Amino acid sequence: MTHPVPDKEPKVPEAARFVAIEGPIGVGKTSLARKLSALWQTDLLLEEADGNPFLSKFYDDPARYALATQLHFLFHRSRELQARRQGDLFAPRLVSDFMFEKDRLFAKVVLDDDEYRLYHEIYTRFVASLPRPSLVIYLQASVPTLHRRIARRGIGYEQGIDGEYLGRLCQEYVEFFHYYSEAPLLIVNAEEINLVDNPAHFDLLLAEIERGVVGRRYFNPGLKVSG
């Protein structure tokens, strides 16, 4: 079953009024966000990492550029989300390839203790006033799979990311979402599926969203979905 671009406004699931897609580097967040946004004809909000002037420097010299990199992301993402709130967040509806809370997660991995305390003080001034997603889709994959996908997409500054960093990041995501309860959460095993190029996998994901997610749900195509 394929999903051609409709010639009229599609029926968008209620849960999709603000969908945030999350997961570690290389897991496929942006590709899925683009596909869902195109199908539902919603606004699309991307983190646009290439626009961060410190990011490539961070991968070359993490200790020197970590704080500047994280603060740039923090200010940029908060401005983008605040702009949606100051207008009408839900018209048009929104699909994003990040959650604002991810900034704190990355900061815990890359900053030293003093830098993190400073960062967290700034972070708390922003987070309470920002809109919450109506659905979070968390994509999971193993470190070897993430490395293969990072290599395949060929972004130069990402090619030096090591397994230890990816492993720590994946663990931070696991711990973060273990306690997350701010919005309905769909946890997707993206290890062996292709939500962008495999129509059957994408259809199954759409069916899960359309069923409505209450609390948290685990999704793995080919296996029984647990609620």
N, C-alpha and C. Protein backbone atom coordinates (compact mmCIF):
# COMPACT_ATOMS: atom_id res chain seq x y z
N MET A 1 0.85 -1.19 0.00
CA MET A 1 0.00 0.00 0.00
C MET A 1 0.89 1.24 0.00
N THR A 2 0.65 2.14 -0.94
CA THR A 2 1.46 3.35 -1.03
C THR A 2 0.65 4.54 -0.58
N HIS A 3 1.33 5.66 -0.41
CA HIS A 3 0.67 6.87 0.10
C HIS A 3 0.98 8.04 -0.82
N PRO A 4 0.26 8.17 -1.93
CA PRO A 4 0.47 9.34 -2.80
C PRO A 4 0.07 10.62 -2.08
N VAL A 5 0.65 11.71 -2.52
CA VAL A 5 0.28 13.00 -1.93
C VAL A 5 -1.17 13.29 -2.28
N PRO A 6 -2.03 13.51 -1.30
CA PRO A 6 -3.44 13.72 -1.58
C PRO A 6 -3.69 15.05 -2.26
N ASP A 7 -4.84 15.14 -3.01
CA ASP A 7 -5.18 16.38 -3.69
C ASP A 7 -6.09 17.26 -2.84
N LYS A 8 -6.37 16.84 -1.63
CA LYS A 8 -7.12 17.67 -0.71
C LYS A 8 -6.57 17.43 0.69
N GLU A 9 -6.96 18.26 1.61
CA GLU A 9 -6.43 18.15 2.97
C GLU A 9 -6.76 16.79 3.57
N PRO A 10 -5.74 16.05 4.02
CA PRO A 10 -5.99 14.70 4.54
C PRO A 10 -6.58 14.76 5.95
N LYS A 11 -7.17 13.65 6.34
CA LYS A 11 -7.64 13.51 7.71
C LYS A 11 -6.45 13.16 8.59
N VAL A 12 -6.13 14.04 9.51
CA VAL A 12 -4.96 13.86 10.36
C VAL A 12 -5.39 13.28 11.69
N PRO A 13 -4.72 12.22 12.17
CA PRO A 13 -5.08 11.67 13.47
C PRO A 13 -5.01 12.72 14.57
N GLU A 14 -5.90 12.62 15.54
CA GLU A 14 -5.93 13.59 16.63
C GLU A 14 -4.59 13.66 17.34
N ALA A 15 -3.95 12.49 17.50
CA ALA A 15 -2.66 12.45 18.20
C ALA A 15 -1.57 13.20 17.45
N ALA A 16 -1.80 13.49 16.18
CA ALA A 16 -0.76 14.08 15.35
C ALA A 16 -0.77 15.60 15.34
N ARG A 17 -1.46 16.23 16.27
CA ARG A 17 -1.49 17.69 16.24
C ARG A 17 -0.10 18.28 16.51
N PHE A 18 0.74 17.56 17.29
CA PHE A 18 2.14 17.96 17.46
C PHE A 18 2.93 16.68 17.76
N VAL A 19 3.53 16.12 16.72
CA VAL A 19 4.30 14.88 16.84
C VAL A 19 5.79 15.23 16.89
N ALA A 20 6.48 14.76 17.92
CA ALA A 20 7.92 14.92 18.04
C ALA A 20 8.58 13.55 17.90
N ILE A 21 9.56 13.45 17.02
CA ILE A 21 10.26 12.20 16.77
C ILE A 21 11.65 12.31 17.38
N GLU A 22 12.02 11.30 18.16
CA GLU A 22 13.30 11.35 18.86
C GLU A 22 14.07 10.03 18.72
N GLY A 23 15.35 10.10 19.08
CA GLY A 23 16.23 8.95 19.02
C GLY A 23 17.65 9.40 18.75
N PRO A 24 18.62 8.51 18.87
CA PRO A 24 20.03 8.89 18.72
C PRO A 24 20.40 9.23 17.29
N ILE A 25 21.59 9.76 17.11
CA ILE A 25 22.09 10.16 15.80
C ILE A 25 22.06 8.98 14.83
N GLY A 26 21.50 9.20 13.64
CA GLY A 26 21.50 8.19 12.61
C GLY A 26 20.33 7.24 12.62
N VAL A 27 19.39 7.40 13.54
CA VAL A 27 18.31 6.42 13.67
C VAL A 27 17.19 6.65 12.66
N GLY A 28 17.14 7.85 12.04
CA GLY A 28 16.14 8.09 11.01
C GLY A 28 15.05 9.07 11.38
N LYS A 29 15.30 9.95 12.34
CA LYS A 29 14.28 10.89 12.81
C LYS A 29 13.82 11.84 11.70
N THR A 30 14.78 12.47 11.03
CA THR A 30 14.44 13.49 10.05
C THR A 30 13.71 12.91 8.86
N SER A 31 14.15 11.76 8.38
CA SER A 31 13.50 11.13 7.24
C SER A 31 12.05 10.78 7.56
N LEU A 32 11.81 10.25 8.75
CA LEU A 32 10.44 9.91 9.14
C LEU A 32 9.60 11.17 9.33
N ALA A 33 10.18 12.21 9.92
CA ALA A 33 9.45 13.46 10.11
C ALA A 33 9.01 14.04 8.76
N ARG A 34 9.91 14.03 7.80
CA ARG A 34 9.56 14.54 6.47
C ARG A 34 8.43 13.73 5.84
N LYS A 35 8.47 12.42 6.01
CA LYS A 35 7.47 11.56 5.39
C LYS A 35 6.09 11.77 6.03
N LEU A 36 6.05 11.82 7.34
CA LEU A 36 4.77 12.05 8.02
C LEU A 36 4.22 13.44 7.72
N SER A 37 5.09 14.44 7.70
CA SER A 37 4.64 15.79 7.42
C SER A 37 4.07 15.90 6.00
N ALA A 38 4.72 15.25 5.04
CA ALA A 38 4.24 15.28 3.66
C ALA A 38 2.89 14.58 3.54
N LEU A 39 2.74 13.46 4.22
CA LEU A 39 1.48 12.71 4.15
C LEU A 39 0.34 13.51 4.76
N TRP A 40 0.56 14.07 5.93
CA TRP A 40 -0.50 14.79 6.65
C TRP A 40 -0.61 16.26 6.24
N GLN A 41 0.33 16.73 5.42
CA GLN A 41 0.38 18.13 5.00
C GLN A 41 0.42 19.07 6.21
N THR A 42 1.33 18.78 7.12
CA THR A 42 1.51 19.60 8.32
C THR A 42 2.74 20.49 8.17
N ASP A 43 2.88 21.40 9.09
CA ASP A 43 4.12 22.15 9.22
C ASP A 43 5.21 21.17 9.64
N LEU A 44 6.45 21.47 9.23
CA LEU A 44 7.59 20.61 9.54
C LEU A 44 8.66 21.45 10.24
N LEU A 45 9.08 21.00 11.42
CA LEU A 45 10.10 21.70 12.19
C LEU A 45 11.30 20.76 12.35
N LEU A 46 12.45 21.15 11.79
CA LEU A 46 13.66 20.34 11.84
C LEU A 46 14.71 21.03 12.70
N GLU A 47 15.54 20.20 13.35
CA GLU A 47 16.55 20.79 14.23
C GLU A 47 17.67 21.46 13.45
N GLU A 48 17.87 21.08 12.17
CA GLU A 48 18.83 21.75 11.30
C GLU A 48 20.20 21.87 11.96
N ALA A 49 20.77 20.72 12.27
CA ALA A 49 22.07 20.70 12.94
C ALA A 49 23.15 21.39 12.13
N ASP A 50 23.04 21.35 10.80
CA ASP A 50 24.06 21.98 9.96
C ASP A 50 24.15 23.48 10.20
N GLY A 51 23.08 24.08 10.75
CA GLY A 51 23.10 25.51 11.01
C GLY A 51 23.84 25.91 12.28
N ASN A 52 24.30 24.93 13.04
CA ASN A 52 25.04 25.22 14.26
C ASN A 52 26.52 25.41 13.90
N PRO A 53 27.07 26.60 14.02
CA PRO A 53 28.45 26.84 13.58
C PRO A 53 29.50 26.15 14.44
N PHE A 54 29.09 25.64 15.61
CA PHE A 54 30.04 25.00 16.51
C PHE A 54 30.08 23.48 16.36
N LEU A 55 29.12 22.90 15.64
CA LEU A 55 28.97 21.45 15.67
C LEU A 55 30.17 20.72 15.07
N SER A 56 30.61 21.11 13.90
CA SER A 56 31.75 20.43 13.30
C SER A 56 33.00 20.61 14.15
N LYS A 57 33.13 21.78 14.79
CA LYS A 57 34.26 22.03 15.69
C LYS A 57 34.16 21.13 16.92
N PHE A 58 32.94 20.90 17.39
CA PHE A 58 32.74 20.02 18.55
C PHE A 58 33.26 18.62 18.27
N TYR A 59 32.96 18.07 17.10
CA TYR A 59 33.43 16.71 16.80
C TYR A 59 34.94 16.64 16.68
N ASP A 60 35.58 17.75 16.34
CA ASP A 60 37.04 17.78 16.29
C ASP A 60 37.66 18.00 17.66
N ASP A 61 36.99 18.80 18.50
CA ASP A 61 37.54 19.17 19.81
C ASP A 61 36.39 19.28 20.81
N PRO A 62 35.85 18.14 21.29
CA PRO A 62 34.65 18.16 22.15
C PRO A 62 34.81 19.00 23.40
N ALA A 63 35.95 18.89 24.07
CA ALA A 63 36.12 19.59 25.34
C ALA A 63 36.01 21.10 25.17
N ARG A 64 36.50 21.61 24.07
CA ARG A 64 36.52 23.05 23.85
C ARG A 64 35.17 23.60 23.41
N TYR A 65 34.46 22.85 22.58
CA TYR A 65 33.27 23.40 21.92
C TYR A 65 31.95 22.82 22.41
N ALA A 66 31.97 21.95 23.39
CA ALA A 66 30.73 21.31 23.83
C ALA A 66 29.70 22.31 24.35
N LEU A 67 30.12 23.22 25.23
CA LEU A 67 29.18 24.16 25.83
C LEU A 67 28.60 25.10 24.77
N ALA A 68 29.43 25.64 23.91
CA ALA A 68 28.95 26.54 22.86
C ALA A 68 27.97 25.82 21.94
N THR A 69 28.27 24.58 21.61
CA THR A 69 27.39 23.79 20.74
C THR A 69 26.03 23.60 21.38
N GLN A 70 26.02 23.22 22.65
CA GLN A 70 24.75 22.97 23.34
C GLN A 70 23.94 24.24 23.55
N LEU A 71 24.60 25.34 23.86
CA LEU A 71 23.86 26.58 24.06
C LEU A 71 23.26 27.09 22.75
N HIS A 72 23.98 26.92 21.64
CA HIS A 72 23.42 27.32 20.35
C HIS A 72 22.15 26.53 20.05
N PHE A 73 22.20 25.20 20.25
CA PHE A 73 21.01 24.38 20.04
C PHE A 73 19.88 24.81 20.97
N LEU A 74 20.20 25.07 22.21
CA LEU A 74 19.19 25.45 23.20
C LEU A 74 18.45 26.72 22.76
N PHE A 75 19.18 27.74 22.40
CA PHE A 75 18.55 29.01 22.02
C PHE A 75 17.78 28.88 20.71
N HIS A 76 18.36 28.18 19.76
CA HIS A 76 17.70 28.03 18.45
C HIS A 76 16.39 27.26 18.58
N ARG A 77 16.41 26.13 19.27
CA ARG A 77 15.21 25.30 19.38
C ARG A 77 14.13 26.00 20.20
N SER A 78 14.52 26.69 21.25
CA SER A 78 13.51 27.39 22.05
C SER A 78 12.86 28.50 21.24
N ARG A 79 13.63 29.22 20.42
CA ARG A 79 13.04 30.27 19.57
C ARG A 79 12.04 29.66 18.59
N GLU A 80 12.41 28.54 17.98
CA GLU A 80 11.53 27.92 16.99
C GLU A 80 10.21 27.47 17.64
N LEU A 81 10.29 26.85 18.80
CA LEU A 81 9.06 26.39 19.45
C LEU A 81 8.24 27.54 20.01
N GLN A 82 8.89 28.56 20.53
CA GLN A 82 8.16 29.72 21.03
C GLN A 82 7.42 30.41 19.89
N ALA A 83 8.01 30.44 18.71
CA ALA A 83 7.35 31.06 17.56
C ALA A 83 6.06 30.34 17.24
N ARG A 84 6.04 29.01 17.38
CA ARG A 84 4.82 28.25 17.15
C ARG A 84 3.78 28.55 18.22
N ARG A 85 4.21 28.72 19.45
CA ARG A 85 3.27 29.01 20.52
C ARG A 85 2.70 30.41 20.39
N GLN A 86 3.52 31.38 20.00
CA GLN A 86 3.05 32.76 19.89
C GLN A 86 2.03 32.91 18.77
N GLY A 87 2.16 32.07 17.73
CA GLY A 87 1.13 32.01 16.72
C GLY A 87 0.10 31.00 17.19
N ASP A 88 -0.26 30.08 16.32
CA ASP A 88 -1.17 29.01 16.69
C ASP A 88 -0.45 27.71 16.43
N LEU A 89 -0.01 27.06 17.48
CA LEU A 89 0.80 25.86 17.35
C LEU A 89 0.11 24.79 16.53
N PHE A 90 -1.19 24.69 16.66
CA PHE A 90 -1.88 23.56 16.06
C PHE A 90 -2.52 23.89 14.71
N ALA A 91 -2.24 25.04 14.15
CA ALA A 91 -2.78 25.36 12.83
C ALA A 91 -1.73 26.14 12.04
N PRO A 92 -0.97 25.52 11.15
CA PRO A 92 -1.10 24.12 10.80
C PRO A 92 -0.52 23.20 11.88
N ARG A 93 -0.87 21.93 11.79
CA ARG A 93 -0.31 20.96 12.73
C ARG A 93 1.17 20.77 12.44
N LEU A 94 1.83 20.15 13.40
CA LEU A 94 3.29 20.17 13.39
C LEU A 94 3.88 18.79 13.57
N VAL A 95 4.91 18.48 12.77
CA VAL A 95 5.76 17.32 12.98
C VAL A 95 7.19 17.82 13.13
N SER A 96 7.87 17.37 14.17
CA SER A 96 9.23 17.82 14.45
C SER A 96 10.16 16.62 14.59
N ASP A 97 11.43 16.79 14.22
CA ASP A 97 12.40 15.71 14.39
C ASP A 97 13.22 15.87 15.66
N PHE A 98 12.67 16.59 16.64
CA PHE A 98 13.34 16.69 17.93
C PHE A 98 12.34 17.08 19.01
N MET A 99 12.69 16.78 20.25
CA MET A 99 12.04 17.31 21.44
C MET A 99 12.99 18.31 22.08
N PHE A 100 12.44 19.35 22.66
CA PHE A 100 13.30 20.33 23.32
C PHE A 100 14.11 19.66 24.44
N GLU A 101 13.50 18.70 25.12
CA GLU A 101 14.17 18.04 26.24
C GLU A 101 15.44 17.31 25.85
N LYS A 102 15.59 17.01 24.55
CA LYS A 102 16.79 16.30 24.12
C LYS A 102 18.05 17.11 24.38
N ASP A 103 17.93 18.44 24.43
CA ASP A 103 19.11 19.26 24.67
C ASP A 103 19.78 18.90 25.99
N ARG A 104 18.95 18.73 27.02
CA ARG A 104 19.52 18.37 28.33
C ARG A 104 20.15 16.99 28.29
N LEU A 105 19.57 16.10 27.54
CA LEU A 105 20.10 14.74 27.43
C LEU A 105 21.50 14.76 26.81
N PHE A 106 21.66 15.49 25.69
CA PHE A 106 22.97 15.59 25.06
C PHE A 106 23.96 16.30 25.97
N ALA A 107 23.47 17.33 26.66
CA ALA A 107 24.36 18.09 27.53
C ALA A 107 24.96 17.21 28.62
N LYS A 108 24.17 16.28 29.16
CA LYS A 108 24.67 15.38 30.20
C LYS A 108 25.81 14.52 29.69
N VAL A 109 25.80 14.21 28.39
CA VAL A 109 26.83 13.35 27.82
C VAL A 109 28.11 14.13 27.55
N VAL A 110 28.00 15.38 27.08
CA VAL A 110 29.17 16.06 26.54
C VAL A 110 29.78 17.11 27.46
N LEU A 111 29.05 17.58 28.49
CA LEU A 111 29.57 18.66 29.33
C LEU A 111 30.19 18.13 30.61
N ASP A 112 31.18 18.85 31.13
CA ASP A 112 31.69 18.49 32.44
C ASP A 112 30.73 19.03 33.51
N ASP A 113 30.98 18.72 34.76
CA ASP A 113 30.03 19.03 35.82
C ASP A 113 29.74 20.52 35.95
N ASP A 114 30.78 21.36 35.91
CA ASP A 114 30.58 22.80 36.05
C ASP A 114 29.81 23.36 34.87
N GLU A 115 30.16 22.92 33.66
CA GLU A 115 29.46 23.38 32.47
C GLU A 115 27.99 22.95 32.50
N TYR A 116 27.76 21.74 32.96
CA TYR A 116 26.39 21.25 32.98
C TYR A 116 25.53 22.03 33.98
N ARG A 117 26.09 22.39 35.12
CA ARG A 117 25.32 23.19 36.09
C ARG A 117 24.93 24.53 35.48
N LEU A 118 25.87 25.17 34.77
CA LEU A 118 25.56 26.43 34.11
C LEU A 118 24.50 26.22 33.03
N TYR A 119 24.70 25.21 32.23
CA TYR A 119 23.75 24.91 31.15
C TYR A 119 22.35 24.66 31.73
N HIS A 120 22.28 23.85 32.78
CA HIS A 120 20.97 23.47 33.33
C HIS A 120 20.24 24.68 33.90
N GLU A 121 20.97 25.61 34.47
CA GLU A 121 20.33 26.82 34.98
C GLU A 121 19.66 27.60 33.85
N ILE A 122 20.32 27.68 32.71
CA ILE A 122 19.74 28.36 31.55
C ILE A 122 18.58 27.54 30.98
N TYR A 123 18.77 26.25 30.88
CA TYR A 123 17.74 25.35 30.33
C TYR A 123 16.42 25.48 31.08
N THR A 124 16.46 25.51 32.39
CA THR A 124 15.23 25.53 33.18
C THR A 124 14.44 26.83 32.98
N ARG A 125 15.09 27.88 32.52
CA ARG A 125 14.39 29.14 32.26
C ARG A 125 13.53 29.06 31.00
N PHE A 126 13.82 28.09 30.14
CA PHE A 126 13.11 27.96 28.87
C PHE A 126 12.04 26.88 28.90
N VAL A 127 12.34 25.73 29.50
CA VAL A 127 11.56 24.53 29.23
C VAL A 127 10.11 24.64 29.69
N ALA A 128 9.85 25.30 30.79
CA ALA A 128 8.49 25.32 31.33
C ALA A 128 7.50 26.05 30.44
N SER A 129 7.98 26.98 29.63
CA SER A 129 7.07 27.80 28.82
C SER A 129 6.84 27.25 27.42
N LEU A 130 7.46 26.13 27.09
CA LEU A 130 7.38 25.62 25.72
C LEU A 130 6.24 24.61 25.56
N PRO A 131 5.67 24.51 24.37
CA PRO A 131 4.56 23.57 24.14
C PRO A 131 5.01 22.13 24.25
N ARG A 132 4.09 21.26 24.69
CA ARG A 132 4.36 19.83 24.83
C ARG A 132 3.82 19.07 23.63
N PRO A 133 4.50 18.05 23.18
CA PRO A 133 3.97 17.24 22.08
C PRO A 133 2.68 16.52 22.49
N SER A 134 1.85 16.23 21.50
CA SER A 134 0.69 15.38 21.73
C SER A 134 1.04 13.91 21.53
N LEU A 135 2.18 13.64 20.87
CA LEU A 135 2.68 12.28 20.69
C LEU A 135 4.18 12.35 20.48
N VAL A 136 4.92 11.48 21.17
CA VAL A 136 6.36 11.34 20.96
C VAL A 136 6.63 9.96 20.36
N ILE A 137 7.38 9.92 19.28
CA ILE A 137 7.81 8.67 18.67
C ILE A 137 9.31 8.54 18.92
N TYR A 138 9.69 7.52 19.68
CA TYR A 138 11.09 7.29 20.06
C TYR A 138 11.62 6.12 19.25
N LEU A 139 12.59 6.38 18.36
CA LEU A 139 13.18 5.36 17.51
C LEU A 139 14.44 4.81 18.18
N GLN A 140 14.53 3.49 18.28
CA GLN A 140 15.68 2.83 18.90
C GLN A 140 16.43 1.99 17.87
N ALA A 141 17.76 1.93 18.01
CA ALA A 141 18.58 1.02 17.20
C ALA A 141 19.91 0.83 17.94
N SER A 142 20.61 -0.25 17.61
CA SER A 142 21.88 -0.55 18.27
C SER A 142 22.99 0.35 17.74
N VAL A 143 24.08 0.42 18.48
CA VAL A 143 25.22 1.24 18.08
C VAL A 143 25.78 0.81 16.72
N PRO A 144 26.00 -0.50 16.45
CA PRO A 144 26.50 -0.87 15.12
C PRO A 144 25.57 -0.43 13.99
N THR A 145 24.26 -0.55 14.20
CA THR A 145 23.31 -0.11 13.18
C THR A 145 23.39 1.40 12.98
N LEU A 146 23.49 2.15 14.05
CA LEU A 146 23.62 3.60 13.94
C LEU A 146 24.89 3.97 13.18
N HIS A 147 25.98 3.30 13.47
CA HIS A 147 27.23 3.58 12.76
C HIS A 147 27.08 3.32 11.26
N ARG A 148 26.42 2.23 10.90
CA ARG A 148 26.23 1.94 9.47
C ARG A 148 25.39 3.02 8.80
N ARG A 149 24.37 3.47 9.46
CA ARG A 149 23.50 4.50 8.87
C ARG A 149 24.22 5.85 8.79
N ILE A 150 25.01 6.17 9.80
CA ILE A 150 25.79 7.41 9.76
C ILE A 150 26.78 7.38 8.60
N ALA A 151 27.44 6.23 8.42
CA ALA A 151 28.39 6.11 7.31
C ALA A 151 27.68 6.22 5.97
N ARG A 152 26.49 5.63 5.87
CA ARG A 152 25.76 5.62 4.60
C ARG A 152 25.30 7.02 4.20
N ARG A 153 24.90 7.85 5.18
CA ARG A 153 24.41 9.17 4.79
C ARG A 153 25.54 10.16 4.55
N GLY A 154 26.76 9.85 5.01
CA GLY A 154 27.96 10.52 4.54
C GLY A 154 28.15 11.97 4.93
N ILE A 155 27.61 12.39 6.07
CA ILE A 155 27.86 13.75 6.55
C ILE A 155 29.26 13.78 7.15
N GLY A 156 30.11 14.65 6.61
CA GLY A 156 31.53 14.60 6.92
C GLY A 156 31.87 14.64 8.39
N TYR A 157 31.34 15.62 9.12
CA TYR A 157 31.74 15.78 10.52
C TYR A 157 31.20 14.67 11.40
N GLU A 158 30.22 13.88 10.92
CA GLU A 158 29.69 12.77 11.73
C GLU A 158 30.55 11.51 11.64
N GLN A 159 31.41 11.44 10.66
CA GLN A 159 32.11 10.18 10.41
C GLN A 159 33.10 9.82 11.52
N GLY A 160 33.49 10.78 12.32
CA GLY A 160 34.41 10.50 13.41
C GLY A 160 33.73 10.15 14.72
N ILE A 161 32.41 10.07 14.74
CA ILE A 161 31.70 9.73 15.98
C ILE A 161 32.08 8.32 16.40
N ASP A 162 32.51 8.15 17.64
CA ASP A 162 32.96 6.82 18.06
C ASP A 162 31.85 6.06 18.78
N GLY A 163 32.10 4.77 18.93
CA GLY A 163 31.12 3.88 19.54
C GLY A 163 30.83 4.20 20.99
N GLU A 164 31.84 4.66 21.72
CA GLU A 164 31.64 4.99 23.13
C GLU A 164 30.66 6.14 23.28
N TYR A 165 30.83 7.17 22.45
CA TYR A 165 29.92 8.32 22.51
C TYR A 165 28.50 7.90 22.14
N LEU A 166 28.35 7.13 21.07
CA LEU A 166 27.02 6.67 20.67
C LEU A 166 26.39 5.79 21.74
N GLY A 167 27.21 4.93 22.35
CA GLY A 167 26.70 4.06 23.40
C GLY A 167 26.19 4.84 24.60
N ARG A 168 26.94 5.85 25.02
CA ARG A 168 26.50 6.70 26.14
C ARG A 168 25.22 7.44 25.78
N LEU A 169 25.15 7.92 24.54
CA LEU A 169 23.96 8.64 24.10
C LEU A 169 22.73 7.74 24.09
N CYS A 170 22.90 6.53 23.57
CA CYS A 170 21.78 5.58 23.55
C CYS A 170 21.30 5.27 24.96
N GLN A 171 22.24 5.10 25.89
CA GLN A 171 21.86 4.82 27.27
C GLN A 171 21.13 5.99 27.90
N GLU A 172 21.54 7.21 27.59
CA GLU A 172 20.83 8.38 28.11
C GLU A 172 19.40 8.42 27.58
N TYR A 173 19.22 8.07 26.32
CA TYR A 173 17.87 8.01 25.77
C TYR A 173 17.02 6.97 26.48
N VAL A 174 17.59 5.78 26.71
CA VAL A 174 16.86 4.72 27.40
C VAL A 174 16.42 5.19 28.78
N GLU A 175 17.33 5.80 29.52
CA GLU A 175 17.00 6.26 30.87
C GLU A 175 15.98 7.40 30.83
N PHE A 176 16.15 8.31 29.90
CA PHE A 176 15.23 9.44 29.80
C PHE A 176 13.81 8.95 29.54
N PHE A 177 13.64 8.06 28.56
CA PHE A 177 12.29 7.62 28.21
C PHE A 177 11.73 6.59 29.18
N HIS A 178 12.59 5.98 29.98
CA HIS A 178 12.09 5.09 31.03
C HIS A 178 11.20 5.86 32.01
N TYR A 179 11.57 7.11 32.27
CA TYR A 179 10.83 7.93 33.23
C TYR A 179 9.90 8.94 32.57
N TYR A 180 9.92 9.03 31.26
CA TYR A 180 9.16 10.08 30.57
C TYR A 180 7.66 9.82 30.66
N SER A 181 6.90 10.85 31.05
CA SER A 181 5.45 10.71 31.16
C SER A 181 4.71 11.99 30.75
N GLU A 182 5.38 12.90 30.07
CA GLU A 182 4.79 14.18 29.73
C GLU A 182 3.83 14.10 28.55
N ALA A 183 3.94 13.06 27.73
CA ALA A 183 3.09 12.91 26.55
C ALA A 183 2.99 11.44 26.20
N PRO A 184 1.97 11.03 25.44
CA PRO A 184 1.92 9.65 24.96
C PRO A 184 3.20 9.31 24.20
N LEU A 185 3.69 8.09 24.40
CA LEU A 185 5.00 7.69 23.89
C LEU A 185 4.89 6.39 23.11
N LEU A 186 5.32 6.41 21.85
CA LEU A 186 5.39 5.22 21.02
C LEU A 186 6.86 4.87 20.81
N ILE A 187 7.28 3.76 21.39
CA ILE A 187 8.68 3.32 21.33
C ILE A 187 8.82 2.33 20.18
N VAL A 188 9.64 2.69 19.18
CA VAL A 188 9.72 1.92 17.94
C VAL A 188 11.09 1.25 17.84
N ASN A 189 11.10 -0.07 17.67
CA ASN A 189 12.33 -0.79 17.39
C ASN A 189 12.67 -0.60 15.92
N ALA A 190 13.63 0.30 15.66
CA ALA A 190 13.99 0.64 14.28
C ALA A 190 15.23 -0.11 13.81
N GLU A 191 15.58 -1.19 14.50
CA GLU A 191 16.81 -1.92 14.20
C GLU A 191 16.80 -2.53 12.79
N GLU A 192 15.70 -3.16 12.44
CA GLU A 192 15.66 -3.90 11.18
C GLU A 192 14.49 -3.48 10.30
N ILE A 193 14.00 -2.28 10.48
CA ILE A 193 12.87 -1.81 9.67
C ILE A 193 13.26 -0.55 8.92
N ASN A 194 12.51 -0.26 7.89
CA ASN A 194 12.74 0.92 7.07
C ASN A 194 11.42 1.65 6.93
N LEU A 195 11.20 2.61 7.80
CA LEU A 195 9.93 3.31 7.83
C LEU A 195 9.78 4.29 6.67
N VAL A 196 10.86 4.60 6.00
CA VAL A 196 10.81 5.56 4.91
C VAL A 196 10.62 4.87 3.56
N ASP A 197 11.34 3.79 3.32
CA ASP A 197 11.32 3.15 2.00
C ASP A 197 10.50 1.88 1.93
N ASN A 198 10.07 1.36 3.06
CA ASN A 198 9.26 0.14 3.07
C ASN A 198 7.82 0.51 3.39
N PRO A 199 6.93 0.51 2.38
CA PRO A 199 5.55 0.93 2.62
C PRO A 199 4.83 0.08 3.66
N ALA A 200 5.14 -1.22 3.73
CA ALA A 200 4.47 -2.07 4.71
C ALA A 200 4.81 -1.66 6.13
N HIS A 201 6.08 -1.36 6.39
CA HIS A 201 6.48 -0.91 7.72
C HIS A 201 5.84 0.43 8.06
N PHE A 202 5.83 1.33 7.09
CA PHE A 202 5.24 2.65 7.32
C PHE A 202 3.74 2.54 7.60
N ASP A 203 3.05 1.68 6.86
CA ASP A 203 1.62 1.48 7.09
C ASP A 203 1.33 0.97 8.49
N LEU A 204 2.18 0.07 8.98
CA LEU A 204 1.99 -0.45 10.33
C LEU A 204 2.17 0.65 11.37
N LEU A 205 3.15 1.51 11.14
CA LEU A 205 3.35 2.63 12.06
C LEU A 205 2.14 3.57 12.04
N LEU A 206 1.64 3.87 10.86
CA LEU A 206 0.46 4.73 10.76
C LEU A 206 -0.72 4.13 11.50
N ALA A 207 -0.89 2.82 11.38
CA ALA A 207 -2.00 2.15 12.06
C ALA A 207 -1.88 2.30 13.57
N GLU A 208 -0.64 2.22 14.08
CA GLU A 208 -0.44 2.40 15.52
C GLU A 208 -0.80 3.81 15.96
N ILE A 209 -0.40 4.79 15.18
CA ILE A 209 -0.73 6.17 15.52
C ILE A 209 -2.24 6.39 15.48
N GLU A 210 -2.88 5.85 14.45
CA GLU A 210 -4.32 6.06 14.29
C GLU A 210 -5.12 5.33 15.38
N ARG A 211 -4.57 4.25 15.94
CA ARG A 211 -5.25 3.57 17.05
C ARG A 211 -5.31 4.46 18.28
N GLY A 212 -4.36 5.36 18.38
CA GLY A 212 -4.27 6.22 19.56
C GLY A 212 -3.35 5.60 20.59
N VAL A 213 -2.38 6.37 21.02
CA VAL A 213 -1.41 5.91 22.01
C VAL A 213 -1.75 6.54 23.35
N VAL A 214 -1.98 5.70 24.33
CA VAL A 214 -2.24 6.16 25.70
C VAL A 214 -1.09 5.67 26.57
N GLY A 215 -0.48 6.57 27.30
CA GLY A 215 0.68 6.17 28.10
C GLY A 215 1.84 5.87 27.19
N ARG A 216 2.31 4.62 27.20
CA ARG A 216 3.38 4.23 26.30
C ARG A 216 3.03 2.92 25.61
N ARG A 217 3.55 2.78 24.40
CA ARG A 217 3.33 1.56 23.62
C ARG A 217 4.63 1.20 22.92
N TYR A 218 4.90 -0.11 22.80
CA TYR A 218 6.09 -0.61 22.12
C TYR A 218 5.68 -1.17 20.77
N PHE A 219 6.43 -0.80 19.74
CA PHE A 219 6.07 -1.15 18.37
C PHE A 219 7.25 -1.81 17.67
N ASN A 220 7.02 -3.03 17.17
CA ASN A 220 8.04 -3.75 16.42
C ASN A 220 7.34 -4.50 15.30
N PRO A 221 7.44 -4.03 14.05
CA PRO A 221 6.78 -4.73 12.95
C PRO A 221 7.19 -6.19 12.88
N GLY A 222 6.23 -7.05 12.69
CA GLY A 222 6.49 -8.48 12.62
C GLY A 222 6.30 -9.18 13.94
N LEU A 223 6.28 -8.40 15.03
CA LEU A 223 6.03 -8.96 16.35
C LEU A 223 4.74 -8.37 16.88
N LYS A 224 4.15 -9.00 17.86
CA LYS A 224 2.94 -8.48 18.47
C LYS A 224 3.26 -7.17 19.18
N VAL A 225 2.46 -6.17 18.93
CA VAL A 225 2.65 -4.88 19.57
C VAL A 225 2.11 -4.94 20.98
N SER A 226 2.90 -4.42 21.92
CA SER A 226 2.47 -4.42 23.32
C SER A 226 2.02 -3.05 23.73
N GLY A 227 1.06 -2.98 24.64
CA GLY A 227 0.57 -1.69 25.10
C GLY A 227 0.83 -1.50 26.56
